[in-house]
Every structure is written in structure tokens, then in C-alpha cells.
Protein backbone atom coordinates (compact mmCIF):
# COMPACT_ATOMS: atom_id res chain seq x y z
CA MET A 1 -19.24 2.25 -5.16
CA GLU A 2 -18.87 -1.45 -5.24
CA LEU A 3 -17.50 -3.49 -2.09
CA LEU A 4 -16.25 -7.09 -2.14
CA ASN A 5 -15.27 -9.22 0.46
CA ARG A 6 -12.05 -11.39 0.99
CA VAL A 7 -10.55 -10.52 -2.33
CA HIS A 8 -6.92 -11.67 -2.12
CA GLU A 9 -8.30 -14.94 -0.65
CA ASN A 10 -10.63 -15.88 -3.53
CA ASN A 11 -8.10 -14.40 -6.12
CA LEU A 12 -5.13 -16.57 -4.90
CA VAL A 13 -7.41 -19.72 -5.14
CA ARG A 14 -8.09 -19.05 -8.67
CA TRP A 15 -4.69 -17.62 -9.84
CA ALA A 16 -2.56 -20.55 -8.22
CA ALA A 17 -4.98 -23.33 -9.74
CA ASP A 18 -2.56 -24.15 -12.59
CA LYS A 19 0.50 -22.86 -10.59
CA PRO A 20 1.81 -26.14 -8.59
CA GLU A 21 4.93 -24.38 -7.64
CA VAL A 22 2.99 -21.60 -5.63
CA VAL A 23 3.34 -22.83 -2.03
CA VAL A 24 1.61 -20.49 0.96
CA PHE A 25 3.21 -19.86 4.32
CA SER A 26 1.23 -18.78 7.29
CA GLY A 27 2.98 -17.20 10.08
CA ASP A 28 0.28 -18.55 12.81
CA LEU A 29 -2.13 -15.88 11.49
CA THR A 30 -4.12 -18.27 8.79
CA GLY A 31 -7.47 -16.75 9.21
CA SER A 32 -6.40 -13.15 9.95
CA THR A 33 -4.32 -12.91 6.34
CA GLU A 34 -7.12 -14.75 4.00
CA ILE A 35 -5.07 -17.94 3.32
CA GLY A 36 -7.76 -20.38 4.88
CA LEU A 37 -9.35 -21.05 1.68
CA PHE A 38 -6.08 -21.76 -0.06
CA LYS A 39 -5.18 -24.02 2.82
CA LYS A 40 -8.67 -26.00 2.38
CA THR A 41 -8.14 -26.21 -1.32
CA TYR A 42 -4.60 -27.20 -1.82
CA PRO A 43 -3.48 -28.55 1.51
CA ASP A 44 -0.29 -30.17 0.37
CA ARG A 45 0.83 -26.89 -0.81
CA PHE A 46 0.17 -24.97 2.72
CA PHE A 47 2.60 -24.82 5.30
CA SER A 48 1.86 -23.36 8.88
CA MET A 49 5.18 -22.04 10.21
CA GLY A 50 3.98 -20.85 13.53
CA MET A 51 5.35 -17.68 15.23
CA ALA A 52 8.45 -18.23 14.13
CA GLU A 53 9.03 -15.73 11.55
CA GLN A 54 12.74 -15.70 11.13
CA ASN A 55 12.44 -19.78 10.38
CA MET A 56 9.59 -19.02 7.76
CA LEU A 57 12.10 -16.57 5.78
CA SER A 58 14.72 -19.29 5.64
CA TRP A 59 12.50 -22.07 4.93
CA ALA A 60 10.89 -19.50 2.19
CA GLY A 61 14.62 -19.23 0.68
CA GLY A 62 15.27 -22.96 0.63
CA MET A 63 12.01 -24.05 -1.05
CA ALA A 64 12.69 -21.18 -3.68
CA ARG A 65 15.93 -22.66 -4.50
CA GLU A 66 14.24 -25.76 -5.28
CA GLY A 67 11.95 -24.43 -7.85
CA PHE A 68 9.14 -23.47 -5.52
CA THR A 69 7.47 -19.93 -5.36
CA PRO A 70 6.68 -19.47 -1.40
CA PHE A 71 3.96 -16.78 -0.78
CA LEU A 72 4.57 -15.62 2.89
CA HIS A 73 1.35 -14.27 4.85
CA THR A 74 1.50 -12.28 8.05
CA PHE A 75 1.22 -9.05 9.40
CA ALA A 76 3.59 -6.65 7.78
CA VAL A 77 5.37 -6.09 10.92
CA PHE A 78 6.38 -9.66 11.39
CA LEU A 79 7.75 -9.87 7.61
CA TYR A 80 10.74 -7.46 8.22
CA ARG A 81 10.99 -6.35 11.78
CA ARG A 82 12.36 -9.42 13.45
CA PRO A 83 13.59 -11.69 10.36
CA LEU A 84 15.32 -8.76 8.72
CA ASP A 85 18.58 -10.58 8.48
CA GLN A 86 17.02 -14.00 7.12
CA LEU A 87 14.89 -11.76 4.38
CA SER A 88 18.00 -10.17 3.29
CA MET A 89 20.32 -13.11 3.57
CA SER A 90 18.36 -16.26 2.82
CA VAL A 91 15.99 -14.31 0.34
CA ALA A 92 17.09 -11.01 -1.20
CA TYR A 93 20.74 -11.47 -1.60
CA PRO A 94 20.45 -14.55 -3.45
CA ASN A 95 17.33 -13.09 -5.44
CA LEU A 96 15.16 -15.58 -4.78
CA ARG A 97 11.32 -15.93 -6.11
CA VAL A 98 9.65 -15.50 -2.43
CA ARG A 99 6.88 -13.26 -2.11
CA LEU A 100 5.97 -11.57 0.79
CA PHE A 101 2.29 -10.20 1.64
CA GLY A 102 2.10 -7.98 4.84
CA PHE A 103 -1.11 -7.13 6.05
CA LEU A 104 -2.51 -4.23 8.22
CA PRO A 105 0.22 -1.75 6.98
CA GLY A 106 0.55 1.46 8.87
CA VAL A 107 -2.09 2.81 11.30
CA SER A 108 -4.68 0.48 9.83
CA THR A 109 -4.52 -1.81 13.03
CA PRO A 110 -5.61 -0.75 16.39
CA GLY A 111 -2.92 -2.92 17.79
CA GLY A 112 -0.39 -0.15 18.47
CA VAL A 113 3.25 0.05 17.80
CA THR A 114 3.95 -3.75 17.76
CA HIS A 115 1.66 -4.22 15.07
CA GLN A 116 1.95 -0.88 12.87
CA ALA A 117 4.15 -0.95 10.22
CA ILE A 118 5.25 2.62 9.54
CA ASP A 119 8.66 2.33 8.66
CA ASP A 120 8.29 -1.13 6.29
CA ILE A 121 8.78 0.81 3.16
CA ALA A 122 11.79 2.92 4.38
CA ILE A 123 13.48 -0.24 5.67
CA LEU A 124 13.10 -2.39 2.87
CA ARG A 125 13.68 0.14 0.06
CA GLY A 126 17.37 -0.17 1.04
CA ILE A 127 17.25 -4.29 0.23
CA PRO A 128 18.96 -4.72 -3.08
CA ASN A 129 16.80 -6.95 -5.36
CA LEU A 130 13.56 -6.62 -3.44
CA ARG A 131 10.36 -4.87 -5.22
CA ILE A 132 7.62 -3.21 -3.44
CA PHE A 133 4.21 -2.75 -4.18
CA GLU A 134 1.10 -1.29 -2.16
CA VAL A 135 -2.57 -2.00 -3.08
CA GLY A 136 -5.33 0.56 -2.67
CA ASP A 137 -8.53 -1.06 -3.71
CA ALA A 138 -10.04 -4.46 -5.38
CA THR A 139 -8.74 -3.82 -8.81
CA ASP A 140 -5.18 -3.49 -7.42
CA VAL A 141 -5.78 -6.86 -5.55
CA GLU A 142 -6.88 -8.59 -8.10
CA THR A 143 -4.44 -7.89 -10.76
CA LEU A 144 -1.29 -7.59 -8.54
CA LEU A 145 -0.45 -11.47 -9.00
CA ASP A 146 -0.21 -11.44 -12.50
CA VAL A 147 2.23 -8.42 -12.15
CA ILE A 148 4.59 -10.15 -9.68
CA GLN A 149 4.48 -13.02 -11.39
CA ASP A 150 6.79 -11.61 -13.85
CA VAL A 151 8.91 -10.24 -11.32
CA ASP A 152 12.35 -12.70 -11.05
CA GLY A 153 13.28 -11.94 -7.55
CA PRO A 154 11.82 -11.25 -4.08
CA VAL A 155 8.59 -8.98 -3.75
CA TYR A 156 6.90 -7.43 -0.77
CA VAL A 157 3.56 -6.27 -0.63
CA ARG A 158 1.44 -4.03 1.69
CA MET A 159 -1.77 -5.83 1.33
CA LEU A 160 -5.43 -5.03 2.09
CA ARG A 161 -7.86 -7.68 3.60
CA GLY A 162 -11.75 -8.07 4.26
CA GLN A 163 -14.20 -5.78 2.85
CA ILE A 164 -12.61 -3.53 0.44
CA PRO A 165 -13.72 -1.02 -2.30
CA ARG A 166 -13.41 -0.97 -5.90
CA LEU A 167 -12.24 2.46 -6.69
CA PHE A 168 -10.97 1.52 -10.43
CA PRO A 169 -12.19 -0.14 -13.25
CA ARG A 170 -11.87 -3.77 -13.76
CA SER A 171 -10.27 -2.97 -17.22
CA GLU A 172 -7.53 -0.92 -15.60
CA PRO A 173 -5.11 -3.19 -14.17
CA LEU A 174 -2.30 -2.54 -11.72
CA GLN A 175 0.86 -1.94 -13.92
CA PHE A 176 4.30 -2.56 -12.92
CA ASP A 177 6.14 0.95 -12.02
CA ARG A 178 3.45 2.80 -13.55
CA ALA A 179 1.09 5.14 -11.62
CA ARG A 180 -2.62 5.29 -12.15
CA ILE A 181 -3.90 8.76 -13.38
CA ILE A 182 -6.97 9.59 -11.69
CA GLY A 183 -7.29 13.19 -12.39
CA THR A 184 -5.73 16.03 -14.21
CA GLY A 185 -4.52 19.50 -13.21
CA THR A 186 -2.66 22.67 -13.03
CA ASP A 187 -2.58 23.82 -9.31
CA VAL A 188 -1.44 20.86 -7.18
CA THR A 189 0.09 17.60 -8.01
CA LEU A 190 -1.00 14.86 -5.83
CA LEU A 191 0.46 11.45 -5.29
CA SER A 192 -1.23 9.07 -3.12
CA SER A 193 -0.72 5.06 -2.04
CA GLY A 194 -2.70 2.54 -0.25
CA LEU A 195 -5.42 3.37 1.94
CA CYS A 196 -4.98 7.15 1.54
CA THR A 197 -5.76 6.88 -1.85
CA GLU A 198 -9.77 6.79 -1.19
CA GLU A 199 -9.36 9.36 1.53
CA ALA A 200 -7.72 11.61 -1.52
CA MET A 201 -10.14 10.87 -3.99
CA ARG A 202 -12.93 12.20 -1.51
CA ALA A 203 -11.01 15.51 -0.81
CA THR A 204 -10.35 16.32 -4.58
CA GLU A 205 -13.69 16.09 -5.61
CA VAL A 206 -14.67 18.90 -3.06
CA LEU A 207 -11.36 20.93 -4.06
CA ARG A 208 -12.27 20.83 -7.70
CA ARG A 209 -15.75 22.10 -6.68
CA ARG A 210 -13.87 24.94 -4.91
CA GLY A 211 -12.19 26.03 -8.00
CA VAL A 212 -8.72 24.18 -7.42
CA SER A 213 -7.13 22.10 -10.38
CA VAL A 214 -5.87 19.05 -9.16
CA ALA A 215 -3.59 16.53 -10.87
CA HIS A 216 -4.18 12.91 -8.66
CA LEU A 217 -1.70 9.81 -9.28
CA HIS A 218 -2.21 6.78 -7.21
CA VAL A 219 1.12 5.08 -6.66
CA SER A 220 0.98 1.12 -6.70
CA THR A 221 4.94 0.28 -7.02
CA LEU A 222 7.19 1.85 -4.62
CA LYS A 223 10.61 0.09 -6.00
CA PRO A 224 11.33 0.45 -8.52
CA PHE A 225 10.00 4.21 -8.73
CA THR A 226 10.85 5.31 -12.02
CA ASP A 227 7.72 6.14 -13.73
CA PRO A 228 8.23 8.91 -16.33
CA THR A 229 4.48 9.73 -15.66
CA ILE A 230 5.77 10.65 -12.31
CA VAL A 231 7.94 12.75 -13.51
CA GLU A 232 6.02 14.91 -15.69
CA ALA A 233 3.25 15.19 -13.07
CA VAL A 234 5.61 16.72 -10.42
CA SER A 235 7.20 19.20 -12.85
CA LYS A 236 4.07 20.82 -14.04
CA PRO A 237 1.93 22.01 -10.79
CA LYS A 238 1.81 25.71 -10.06
CA PHE A 239 1.58 25.64 -6.43
CA GLY A 240 3.32 22.51 -5.57
CA VAL A 241 3.50 18.82 -4.98
CA ILE A 242 1.80 16.68 -2.09
CA THR A 243 2.50 13.32 -1.49
CA MET A 244 -0.27 11.19 0.96
CA GLU A 245 0.60 8.11 2.60
CA ASN A 246 0.07 5.69 5.52
CA HIS A 247 3.54 5.34 6.48
CA ASN A 248 6.16 7.70 8.08
CA VAL A 249 7.00 10.61 5.85
CA ILE A 250 10.93 9.49 6.28
CA GLY A 251 11.86 6.95 3.74
CA GLY A 252 8.18 6.40 2.08
CA LEU A 253 6.19 7.68 -0.98
CA GLY A 254 7.21 11.43 0.05
CA THR A 255 10.84 10.02 -0.01
CA CYS A 256 10.59 8.50 -3.52
CA VAL A 257 9.02 11.39 -4.69
CA ALA A 258 11.72 14.01 -3.30
CA GLU A 259 14.46 11.91 -4.66
CA VAL A 260 12.94 11.94 -8.17
CA MET A 261 12.35 15.49 -7.97
CA ALA A 262 15.93 16.12 -7.09
CA GLU A 263 17.31 14.01 -9.49
CA HIS A 264 15.35 15.65 -12.31
CA GLY A 265 16.03 19.12 -11.21
CA ILE A 266 12.49 19.86 -10.38
CA GLY A 267 12.04 22.70 -7.90
CA LYS A 268 8.70 22.62 -6.63
CA LYS A 269 7.24 22.97 -3.32
CA LEU A 270 6.87 19.52 -1.73
CA THR A 271 4.37 18.63 0.97
CA ARG A 272 4.49 15.25 2.51
CA ILE A 273 1.24 13.92 4.58
CA GLY A 274 2.20 10.74 6.67
CA LEU A 275 3.37 9.97 10.06
CA GLN A 276 5.49 12.83 10.98
CA ASP A 277 8.39 10.86 12.69
CA THR A 278 6.49 9.70 15.48
CA TYR A 279 5.00 6.20 16.69
CA ALA A 280 1.38 6.02 16.78
CA HIS A 281 -1.04 4.53 19.43
CA GLY A 282 -3.49 1.76 19.60
CA ALA A 283 -7.11 3.39 18.42
CA SER A 284 -9.51 2.93 15.63
CA PHE A 285 -8.46 3.39 11.99
CA PRO A 286 -10.42 6.58 11.38
CA TYR A 287 -9.26 8.14 14.79
CA LEU A 288 -5.72 7.60 14.10
CA MET A 289 -5.92 9.03 10.53
CA SER A 290 -7.75 11.97 11.89
CA LYS A 291 -5.23 12.44 14.87
CA TYR A 292 -1.97 11.92 12.98
CA GLY A 293 -3.29 14.16 9.65
CA LEU A 294 -3.61 11.44 7.21
CA ASP A 295 -7.33 11.79 6.27
CA ALA A 296 -9.17 13.92 3.84
CA MET A 297 -9.57 17.04 5.81
CA ALA A 298 -5.81 16.86 6.32
CA LEU A 299 -5.33 17.06 2.56
CA VAL A 300 -7.79 19.80 2.15
CA ARG A 301 -5.60 22.01 5.03
CA ARG A 302 -2.29 20.96 3.13
CA VAL A 303 -3.87 22.42 -0.39
CA GLU A 304 -5.07 25.70 1.52
CA GLU A 305 -1.49 26.12 2.67
CA LEU A 306 -0.11 25.62 -0.71
CA LEU A 307 -2.52 27.96 -1.89
CA ASP A 308 -2.34 30.59 1.02
CA THR A 309 -6.08 30.53 0.86
CA ARG A 310 -9.13 29.30 3.08
CA LEU A 311 -11.59 26.90 1.25
CA ASN A 312 -14.06 26.62 4.21
CA VAL A 313 -14.33 23.14 3.52
CA THR A 314 -16.09 21.17 6.27
CA GLU A 315 -16.19 17.57 7.54
CA ASP A 316 -19.95 17.23 6.24
CA ASP A 317 -18.63 18.40 2.71
CA LEU A 318 -16.29 15.63 2.55
CA SER A 319 -18.79 13.18 3.95
CA SER A 320 -21.33 14.14 1.09
CA VAL A 321 -18.50 12.81 -1.25
CA ARG A 322 -17.73 9.44 0.58
CA LEU A 323 -17.02 6.69 -2.12
CA GLN A 324 -19.05 4.11 -0.98
CA GLU A 325 -22.35 3.94 1.44
CA ALA A 326 -21.03 1.42 3.45
CA ALA A 327 -17.28 2.95 4.29
CA SER A 328 -17.40 1.85 7.72
CA LEU A 329 -17.77 -1.67 7.16
CA SER A 330 -14.26 -2.05 5.74
CA VAL A 331 -12.91 0.14 8.25
CA SER A 332 -14.16 -2.69 10.72
CA GLN A 333 -12.70 -5.51 9.04
CA LEU A 334 -9.38 -3.53 8.42
CA GLU A 335 -9.16 -2.94 12.42
CA ALA A 336 -10.04 -6.58 13.37
CA LEU A 337 -6.94 -8.32 14.19
């Protein structure tokens, strides 16, 4: 499996070359959010706003009114937790073309509760006019900018950085409000997002070897959430539906799916993998994924519960189908503050 380094940084510089209206704001985390090359390449279109996120959101609203398209870069928690009022009133209420790139979502940082955006989707789904995306691999990152360019209003992105894998072919770009169909099956329908998709792909390979038929969809658009592909997929499984996300199970992907199932009268059992209404503590990403039940083995256990059987899957089984040889490199890059 191909690994790529600093995908967003290089892609943004190429993509923005013929778009002079695109300006980039840094929340005092230029090196940590892959915008150093943009600063070097287009210094007149780069603004360092310091550790003043409320001010940064207000500035973004003002510049958007003047015809610019501000791209804000900082850690995810700093885009919505403290500056929520400015995000709502200065950006979302007037429906302005502002792009918010939140890095280190969920438990992908060892920084503990102050840095872990575990409720961002839940909070921001309630903001009118705001569209929400989450990338899962290099192809998602490379093709996202074209998608959000067509959104005439504010956008929030849970972004990846550092060394990340290419899970999906370059010929299959991210699509607005359309899930990627990774695999088809009849026993269980699995919907995953962000970093959890790689873990889910490892698990589903082993599950299929054990005779479990799994339909797997990767979700990149979390608002709106009206994809008919998802409606069809969750209506078909024999045993039930599983969602898997790097976020609190309250208000995130699991809630999106639950709402769709209720609205369409789909009476299937729903199991939500994610943080179970709890904060996480500071530790390495693999440790936190295991401790809080967000990894491949957690998915296997949930499938066993749905099927009421033991599949006798071990950690060695899962390791044998790791999707890239140097996965630990991407983990270390994601963890660094």
C-alpha cells in the first residue's frame, strides 16, 4: 500500500495556483498543519493570526464578505470549541465561503482532552449552512478541494496530515454526499469514517476469511447526510448495521446513520463503535484506539456479538493483513504535536 507524505500541503499549493481569492490563515500552528509551503509560495496570501481563534474566525468572515475564500488551519478543537460564537455568527449565519481545516481529530493526538476533538461533529452538525467532511486517505485529501470549491457556504473538514496511506484508487475521487463502496455483503453492513476506515478494512478482510459477508462503506460527507446508497445499504443486512468512527458515538456518524434508519423505517439492529460518551486521556494513538475500542479487533468483537458466535480471530490474524508495511510511520506522524 502506497504511503504519501504531506499530501495536503503539496496539494493545496498546486490547487490554489490559479485561485488568487484563496487565502490561508494559521492559528499559530503553521508547521503543524501543513501550510508552511503555502506561506513560502504565496506570502501575500498567508496570514498568521496567532493563538486568537475567535479573532481568526471574525477575520475570516470579514474577508469572505470582500470576495476572498479564507482557508483556516489549526487543530480541530481550536476551530469550534472556544470560537463557536464567531463561527456561528460571523461565518455560518451569513453563509460565507470559509473553509475550516481541523487537524488531529478524535484521539489521533496524545495531547489529552484539551487537544482531542471528540465532539466536533456532534456540535457542528447543529450549525445551519455548515457542511462537514472527513478524509480517510491520500485520495480523499487530494480530491477534497475540488469538491468543497463547489460548496457556496462554509465547510468544516476533519483533516489528516503527515505520512498517510492511499487506500482508494486515484481514479475514484471523493464525491459530495456519496459514500465509497469498499465491499459488498449480506450479513453485516459496516459504515466507517476517517482513520477508522483503515482499521475496518483490516478487520473485514479477516472476517470474510471466516465466512462473514460484510458490506463496507467509507463515509466522507457527514453533513448533509442524504446519500441514497447509505439508505439502501443499511436496509439489507441479515444481522445488523455497525458504524465505526474516531468520535463520540453521540452526535457523529453513528447518530447520522441512526437518524437515517429511523426516518426510513429501517428496523435493523445498530451497533456504534466510537468513544462511548467518555473523554480519552493522553497516550499513543494505537493505545487509545485499543483502550477505547476503536480498532480492528473491536470491530471483530462487535461482529461476533451480532452473529452470536466466536470467530477466533487473533491480533496476529489482523496484523497479517495490515494494509501497508510502514503503518507505524503514519501513526507517529499523526501523533506529533
